């Protein structure tokens, strides 16, 4: 059974406060630690570490303001981009829990 993480708990898994790096997509949390060259401190996608980043991924945004799960105003193309990211994460990274 998977663990439920609060947003506050998830924020600890940013590669700084804790060594592990977790990212949430549509509430599904992945262990991104093996991808620390991309998601670790100082890396291009570190903005996503310890956060729900569905909106940012869908919009191809690196803005902290887009690191949310708010998807209501996104168009079909953006949701397809998000689907592609999530599929990639499902294939490459370990599922560790859900954002609750």
Protein backbone atom coordinates (compact mmCIF):
# COMPACT_ATOMS: atom_id res chain seq x y z
CA UNK A 1 0.00 0.00 0.00
CA UNK A 2 1.34 3.42 -0.91
CA UNK A 3 1.93 6.20 1.55
CA UNK A 4 -0.02 9.47 1.60
CA UNK A 5 2.15 12.59 1.82
CA UNK A 6 1.00 16.07 2.74
CA UNK A 7 2.32 18.97 0.65
CA UNK A 8 4.48 19.92 3.62
CA UNK A 9 5.95 16.42 3.85
CA UNK A 10 6.56 16.34 0.10
CA UNK A 11 8.45 19.63 0.30
CA UNK A 12 11.08 17.93 2.47
CA UNK A 13 12.09 15.69 -0.45
CA UNK A 14 13.85 18.37 -2.47
CA UNK A 15 17.39 16.99 -2.49
CA UNK A 16 18.43 19.60 0.07
CA UNK A 17 16.37 19.03 3.22
CA UNK A 18 16.50 15.31 2.46
CA UNK A 19 18.75 13.48 0.06
CA UNK A 20 15.81 11.97 -1.81
CA UNK A 21 14.02 13.92 -4.53
CA UNK A 22 10.29 13.41 -4.93
CA UNK A 23 8.00 15.02 -7.50
CA UNK A 24 4.23 14.81 -7.70
CA UNK A 25 2.29 14.64 -10.96
CA UNK A 26 -1.51 14.58 -10.69
CA UNK A 27 -1.05 13.63 -7.05
CA UNK A 28 1.12 10.63 -7.86
CA UNK A 29 4.54 10.94 -6.19
CA UNK A 30 7.68 9.64 -7.87
CA UNK A 31 11.18 9.13 -6.50
CA UNK A 32 13.27 11.19 -8.89
CA UNK A 33 16.52 10.63 -6.99
CA UNK A 34 18.01 8.52 -9.82
CA UNK A 35 17.51 11.59 -12.04
CA UNK A 36 19.32 13.94 -9.65
CA UNK A 37 21.38 15.31 -12.54
CA UNK A 38 18.10 16.76 -13.82
CA UNK A 39 16.08 17.26 -10.62
CA UNK A 40 18.75 17.79 -7.97
CA UNK A 41 20.00 21.06 -6.48
CA UNK A 42 21.40 23.32 -9.18
CA UNK A 43 19.89 21.25 -12.00
CA UNK A 44 17.47 22.55 -14.61
CA UNK A 45 14.37 20.86 -13.23
CA UNK A 46 15.12 21.33 -9.52
CA UNK A 47 12.18 23.76 -9.38
CA UNK A 48 9.94 20.65 -9.39
CA UNK A 49 11.69 18.88 -6.50
CA UNK A 50 9.46 18.42 -3.48
CA UNK A 51 6.42 19.83 -5.27
CA UNK A 52 3.28 18.99 -7.18
CA UNK A 53 4.32 20.08 -10.67
CA UNK A 54 1.49 18.99 -12.99
CA UNK A 55 0.65 22.48 -14.23
CA UNK A 56 4.29 23.39 -14.84
CA UNK A 57 4.91 20.21 -16.82
CA UNK A 58 1.76 20.69 -18.89
CA UNK A 59 2.75 24.27 -19.71
CA UNK A 60 6.44 23.40 -20.16
CA UNK A 61 7.08 26.07 -17.53
CA UNK A 62 9.93 26.45 -15.09
CA UNK A 63 8.05 29.05 -13.05
CA UNK A 64 7.52 28.31 -9.36
CA UNK A 65 4.04 29.82 -9.74
CA UNK A 66 3.12 26.94 -12.05
CA UNK A 67 4.20 24.23 -9.59
CA UNK A 68 0.64 23.32 -8.65
CA UNK A 69 -1.93 20.70 -9.43
CA UNK A 70 -4.37 23.24 -10.90
CA UNK A 71 -5.30 21.98 -14.36
CA UNK A 72 -8.79 23.41 -14.87
CA UNK A 73 -7.88 26.08 -17.41
CA UNK A 74 -5.41 24.06 -19.48
CA UNK A 75 -6.18 23.20 -23.07
CA UNK A 76 -6.17 19.77 -24.70
CA UNK A 77 -2.65 20.19 -26.07
CA UNK A 78 -1.26 21.04 -22.63
CA UNK A 79 -3.03 18.07 -21.06
CA UNK A 80 -1.51 15.82 -23.74
CA UNK A 81 1.93 17.17 -22.84
CA UNK A 82 1.21 16.33 -19.20
CA UNK A 83 0.06 12.82 -20.19
CA UNK A 84 3.37 12.33 -22.00
CA UNK A 85 5.39 13.48 -18.98
CA UNK A 86 3.44 11.22 -16.65
CA UNK A 87 3.90 8.24 -18.95
CA UNK A 88 7.65 8.92 -18.99
CA UNK A 89 7.73 9.13 -15.19
CA UNK A 90 5.70 5.91 -14.87
CA UNK A 91 8.24 4.13 -17.04
CA UNK A 92 11.41 5.60 -15.55
CA UNK A 93 10.83 6.41 -11.87
CA UNK A 94 9.50 4.59 -8.83
CA UNK A 95 6.05 5.42 -7.49
CA UNK A 96 6.33 6.09 -3.74
CA UNK A 97 2.95 7.46 -2.72
CA UNK A 98 0.19 9.96 -3.24
CA UNK A 99 -0.30 13.59 -2.37
CA UNK A 100 -3.14 13.84 0.10
